[in-house]
Amino acid sequence: MKSSVRRNPIISDLFHRMGKVERMGSGIDRMRDFMRDAGLKEPVFETDNFFRVIFYRKPSYSLKQTSETVVKTVGETVAKTVVKILALIKDNPKITRAELATQTDLTIRGVEWNLRKLKDDGAIRRVGSAKGGHWEVDKTAETETKKT
């Protein structure tokens, strides 16, 4: 026979009166059943000065795999954005940052970040003044744009 130990009788009584407790002492068995039904390892219960439960999840939910997927997705999105910016500059070398923002769905700061990165990488350069100048796309970047 299992005994149920209420660690905090006040909270336990409150939840019981609110109808939030189905049966006293049934939670751990239900957790084990749910985990087993889901094909996962049973949870581990540890009691010392504290009560702790360790749940095991499917490997597909691991943070490492999730972060790798996020990095891949972000990389693909950035690459598509860069290609779009290069194509827009090639079509209209006098295009403004505001026009780039509108046509790429980026913020002005996003456009500025991408332009700075493209300039640092040598893919584009600004010729002339800020107001009256124009953009030039490097031939290598132009070739890369056509490949994608």
C-alpha atoms as a PDB file:
ATOM      1  CA  MET A   1       0.000   0.000   0.000  1.00  0.00           C
ATOM      2  CA  LYS A   2       1.320   3.416  -0.982  1.00  0.00           C
ATOM      3  CA  SER A   3       0.971   6.361   1.297  1.00  0.00           C
ATOM      4  CA  SER A   4       0.537   9.883   0.082  1.00  0.00           C
ATOM      5  CA  VAL A   5       2.456  12.517   1.990  1.00  0.00           C
ATOM      6  CA  ARG A   6       1.212  16.064   1.753  1.00  0.00           C
ATOM      7  CA  ARG A   7       4.204  18.353   1.993  1.00  0.00           C
ATOM      8  CA  ASN A   8       2.077  21.480   2.372  1.00  0.00           C
ATOM      9  CA  PRO A   9      -1.346  20.654   3.905  1.00  0.00           C
ATOM     10  CA  ILE A  10      -2.693  24.196   3.356  1.00  0.00           C
ATOM     11  CA  ILE A  11      -1.989  24.214  -0.388  1.00  0.00           C
ATOM     12  CA  SER A  12      -3.122  20.599  -0.712  1.00  0.00           C
ATOM     13  CA  ASP A  13      -6.441  21.367   0.996  1.00  0.00           C
ATOM     14  CA  LEU A  14      -6.932  24.502  -1.140  1.00  0.00           C
ATOM     15  CA  PHE A  15      -6.411  22.592  -4.401  1.00  0.00           C
ATOM     16  CA  HIS A  16      -8.726  19.819  -3.190  1.00  0.00           C
ATOM     17  CA  ARG A  17     -11.529  22.326  -2.442  1.00  0.00           C
ATOM     18  CA  MET A  18     -10.993  24.002  -5.848  1.00  0.00           C
ATOM     19  CA  GLY A  19     -11.484  20.643  -7.570  1.00  0.00           C
ATOM     20  CA  LYS A  20      -7.915  20.617  -8.908  1.00  0.00           C
ATOM     21  CA  VAL A  21      -7.100  17.274  -7.265  1.00  0.00           C
ATOM     22  CA  GLU A  22      -8.585  14.129  -8.787  1.00  0.00           C
ATOM     23  CA  ARG A  23      -7.275  11.567  -6.319  1.00  0.00           C
ATOM     24  CA  MET A  24      -4.729  12.021  -3.603  1.00  0.00           C
ATOM     25  CA  GLY A  25      -1.511  10.140  -4.332  1.00  0.00           C
ATOM     26  CA  SER A  26      -2.250   9.263  -7.980  1.00  0.00           C
ATOM     27  CA  GLY A  27      -0.002  11.813  -9.736  1.00  0.00           C
ATOM     28  CA  ILE A  28       3.291   9.914  -9.782  1.00  0.00           C
ATOM     29  CA  ASP A  29       1.714   6.747 -11.173  1.00  0.00           C
ATOM     30  CA  ARG A  30      -0.083   8.785 -13.843  1.00  0.00           C
ATOM     31  CA  MET A  31       3.168  10.544 -14.804  1.00  0.00           C
ATOM     32  CA  ARG A  32       4.889   7.169 -15.175  1.00  0.00           C
ATOM     33  CA  ASP A  33       2.003   5.848 -17.291  1.00  0.00           C
ATOM     34  CA  PHE A  34       1.962   8.930 -19.561  1.00  0.00           C
ATOM     35  CA  MET A  35       5.721   8.761 -20.135  1.00  0.00           C
ATOM     36  CA  ARG A  36       5.604   5.015 -20.862  1.00  0.00           C
ATOM     37  CA  ASP A  37       2.643   5.520 -23.258  1.00  0.00           C
ATOM     38  CA  ALA A  38       4.647   8.217 -25.078  1.00  0.00           C
ATOM     39  CA  GLY A  39       7.549   5.783 -25.514  1.00  0.00           C
ATOM     40  CA  LEU A  40       9.828   7.721 -23.192  1.00  0.00           C
ATOM     41  CA  LYS A  41      11.900   6.673 -20.199  1.00  0.00           C
ATOM     42  CA  GLU A  42      10.068   6.837 -16.911  1.00  0.00           C
ATOM     43  CA  PRO A  43      10.714   9.966 -14.856  1.00  0.00           C
ATOM     44  CA  VAL A  44      13.154   9.715 -11.981  1.00  0.00           C
ATOM     45  CA  PHE A  45      11.962  10.937  -8.591  1.00  0.00           C
ATOM     46  CA  GLU A  46      14.532  12.092  -6.066  1.00  0.00           C
ATOM     47  CA  THR A  47      13.842  13.097  -2.499  1.00  0.00           C
ATOM     48  CA  ASP A  48      16.411  14.477  -0.122  1.00  0.00           C
ATOM     49  CA  ASN A  49      15.833  17.905   1.367  1.00  0.00           C
ATOM     50  CA  PHE A  50      13.900  18.666  -1.812  1.00  0.00           C
ATOM     51  CA  PHE A  51      11.570  16.769  -4.100  1.00  0.00           C
ATOM     52  CA  ARG A  52      12.828  16.656  -7.661  1.00  0.00           C
ATOM     53  CA  VAL A  53      11.580  14.952 -10.818  1.00  0.00           C
ATOM     54  CA  ILE A  54      13.718  14.325 -13.903  1.00  0.00           C
ATOM     55  CA  PHE A  55      11.776  13.953 -17.158  1.00  0.00           C
ATOM     56  CA  TYR A  56      13.379  12.545 -20.287  1.00  0.00           C
ATOM     57  CA  ARG A  57      12.381  13.920 -23.657  1.00  0.00           C
ATOM     58  CA  LYS A  58      12.725  12.685 -27.206  1.00  0.00           C
ATOM     59  CA  PRO A  59      16.165  13.343 -28.705  1.00  0.00           C
ATOM     60  CA  SER A  60      14.518  15.274 -31.526  1.00  0.00           C
ATOM     61  CA  TYR A  61      13.639  17.982 -28.981  1.00  0.00           C
ATOM     62  CA  SER A  62      17.231  18.502 -27.891  1.00  0.00           C
ATOM     63  CA  LEU A  63      18.495  22.073 -27.858  1.00  0.00           C
ATOM     64  CA  LYS A  64      21.506  21.190 -30.007  1.00  0.00           C
ATOM     65  CA  GLN A  65      19.384  19.920 -32.894  1.00  0.00           C
ATOM     66  CA  THR A  66      16.943  22.811 -32.503  1.00  0.00           C
ATOM     67  CA  SER A  67      19.728  25.410 -32.559  1.00  0.00           C
ATOM     68  CA  GLU A  68      21.322  23.767 -35.617  1.00  0.00           C
ATOM     69  CA  THR A  69      17.971  23.986 -37.419  1.00  0.00           C
ATOM     70  CA  VAL A  70      17.588  27.643 -36.427  1.00  0.00           C
ATOM     71  CA  VAL A  71      21.114  28.493 -37.614  1.00  0.00           C
ATOM     72  CA  LYS A  72      20.474  26.736 -40.956  1.00  0.00           C
ATOM     73  CA  THR A  73      17.132  28.509 -41.440  1.00  0.00           C
ATOM     74  CA  VAL A  74      18.561  31.918 -40.524  1.00  0.00           C
ATOM     75  CA  GLY A  75      21.524  31.343 -42.847  1.00  0.00           C
ATOM     76  CA  GLU A  76      19.226  30.487 -45.746  1.00  0.00           C
ATOM     77  CA  THR A  77      17.051  33.545 -45.048  1.00  0.00           C
ATOM     78  CA  VAL A  78      20.059  35.875 -44.878  1.00  0.00           C
ATOM     79  CA  ALA A  79      21.426  34.431 -48.130  1.00  0.00           C
ATOM     80  CA  LYS A  80      18.103  35.013 -49.905  1.00  0.00           C
ATOM     81  CA  THR A  81      17.980  38.571 -48.561  1.00  0.00           C
ATOM     82  CA  VAL A  82      21.525  39.298 -49.727  1.00  0.00           C
ATOM     83  CA  VAL A  83      20.741  37.957 -53.211  1.00  0.00           C
ATOM     84  CA  LYS A  84      17.623  40.136 -53.340  1.00  0.00           C
ATOM     85  CA  ILE A  85      19.537  43.243 -52.232  1.00  0.00           C
ATOM     86  CA  LEU A  86      22.256  42.625 -54.829  1.00  0.00           C
ATOM     87  CA  ALA A  87      19.647  42.151 -57.579  1.00  0.00           C
ATOM     88  CA  LEU A  88      17.839  45.356 -56.569  1.00  0.00           C
ATOM     89  CA  ILE A  89      21.114  47.324 -56.571  1.00  0.00           C
ATOM     90  CA  LYS A  90      22.065  45.871 -59.956  1.00  0.00           C
ATOM     91  CA  ASP A  91      18.669  46.858 -61.406  1.00  0.00           C
ATOM     92  CA  ASN A  92      18.811  50.346 -59.885  1.00  0.00           C
ATOM     93  CA  PRO A  93      22.290  51.477 -58.741  1.00  0.00           C
ATOM     94  CA  LYS A  94      20.787  54.693 -57.294  1.00  0.00           C
ATOM     95  CA  ILE A  95      18.309  52.796 -55.078  1.00  0.00           C
ATOM     96  CA  THR A  96      17.899  54.289 -51.602  1.00  0.00           C
ATOM     97  CA  ARG A  97      17.961  52.509 -48.284  1.00  0.00           C
ATOM     98  CA  ALA A  98      14.282  53.293 -47.799  1.00  0.00           C
ATOM     99  CA  GLU A  99      13.460  51.714 -51.166  1.00  0.00           C
ATOM    100  CA  LEU A 100      15.539  48.651 -50.274  1.00  0.00           C
ATOM    101  CA  ALA A 101      13.699  48.385 -46.958  1.00  0.00           C
ATOM    102  CA  THR A 102      10.321  48.526 -48.694  1.00  0.00           C
ATOM    103  CA  GLN A 103      11.236  45.950 -51.329  1.00  0.00           C
ATOM    104  CA  THR A 104      12.938  43.492 -48.954  1.00  0.00           C
ATOM    105  CA  ASP A 105      10.588  43.813 -45.951  1.00  0.00           C
ATOM    106  CA  LEU A 106      13.584  44.758 -43.803  1.00  0.00           C
ATOM    107  CA  THR A 107      13.833  47.688 -41.441  1.00  0.00           C
ATOM    108  CA  ILE A 108      16.150  50.555 -42.350  1.00  0.00           C
ATOM    109  CA  ARG A 109      18.570  49.239 -39.733  1.00  0.00           C
ATOM    110  CA  GLY A 110      18.341  45.771 -41.300  1.00  0.00           C
ATOM    111  CA  VAL A 111      19.151  47.230 -44.714  1.00  0.00           C
ATOM    112  CA  GLU A 112      22.044  49.229 -43.239  1.00  0.00           C
ATOM    113  CA  TRP A 113      23.430  46.102 -41.547  1.00  0.00           C
ATOM    114  CA  ASN A 114      23.248  44.112 -44.782  1.00  0.00           C
ATOM    115  CA  LEU A 115      24.814  46.932 -46.831  1.00  0.00           C
ATOM    116  CA  ARG A 116      27.642  47.308 -44.316  1.00  0.00           C
ATOM    117  CA  LYS A 117      28.250  43.540 -44.418  1.00  0.00           C
ATOM    118  CA  LEU A 118      28.210  43.517 -48.227  1.00  0.00           C
ATOM    119  CA  LYS A 119      30.659  46.453 -48.321  1.00  0.00           C
ATOM    120  CA  ASP A 120      32.957  44.771 -45.775  1.00  0.00           C
ATOM    121  CA  ASP A 121      32.882  41.566 -47.864  1.00  0.00           C
ATOM    122  CA  GLY A 122      33.727  43.559 -51.005  1.00  0.00           C
ATOM    123  CA  ALA A 123      30.492  42.589 -52.776  1.00  0.00           C
ATOM    124  CA  ILE A 124      29.373  46.206 -53.261  1.00  0.00           C
ATOM    125  CA  ARG A 125      30.861  49.655 -53.042  1.00  0.00           C
ATOM    126  CA  ARG A 126      29.493  53.165 -52.933  1.00  0.00           C
ATOM    127  CA  VAL A 127      30.663  55.506 -55.691  1.00  0.00           C
ATOM    128  CA  GLY A 128      30.224  59.251 -55.199  1.00  0.00           C
ATOM    129  CA  SER A 129      28.505  61.117 -52.422  1.00  0.00           C
ATOM    130  CA  ALA A 130      25.875  59.734 -50.080  1.00  0.00           C
ATOM    131  CA  LYS A 131      23.087  61.708 -51.803  1.00  0.00           C
ATOM    132  CA  GLY A 132      24.219  61.836 -55.418  1.00  0.00           C
ATOM    133  CA  GLY A 133      26.248  58.641 -55.659  1.00  0.00           C
ATOM    134  CA  HIS A 134      25.371  55.123 -56.681  1.00  0.00           C
ATOM    135  CA  TRP A 135      26.111  51.501 -55.810  1.00  0.00           C
ATOM    136  CA  GLU A 136      28.308  49.169 -57.805  1.00  0.00           C
ATOM    137  CA  VAL A 137      28.081  45.386 -57.487  1.00  0.00           C
ATOM    138  CA  ASP A 138      31.373  43.494 -57.631  1.00  0.00           C
ATOM    139  CA  LYS A 139      31.579  41.134 -60.634  1.00  0.00           C
ATOM    140  CA  THR A 140      32.249  38.145 -58.333  1.00  0.00           C
ATOM    141  CA  ALA A 141      29.122  38.915 -56.268  1.00  0.00           C
ATOM    142  CA  GLU A 142      27.166  39.325 -59.501  1.00  0.00           C
ATOM    143  CA  THR A 143      28.241  35.841 -60.606  1.00  0.00           C
ATOM    144  CA  GLU A 144      27.297  34.382 -57.205  1.00  0.00           C
ATOM    145  CA  THR A 145      23.869  36.038 -57.474  1.00  0.00           C
ATOM    146  CA  LYS A 146      23.234  34.375 -60.839  1.00  0.00           C
ATOM    147  CA  LYS A 147      24.105  30.937 -59.407  1.00  0.00           C
ATOM    148  CA  THR A 148      21.406  31.205 -56.739  1.00  0.00           C
END
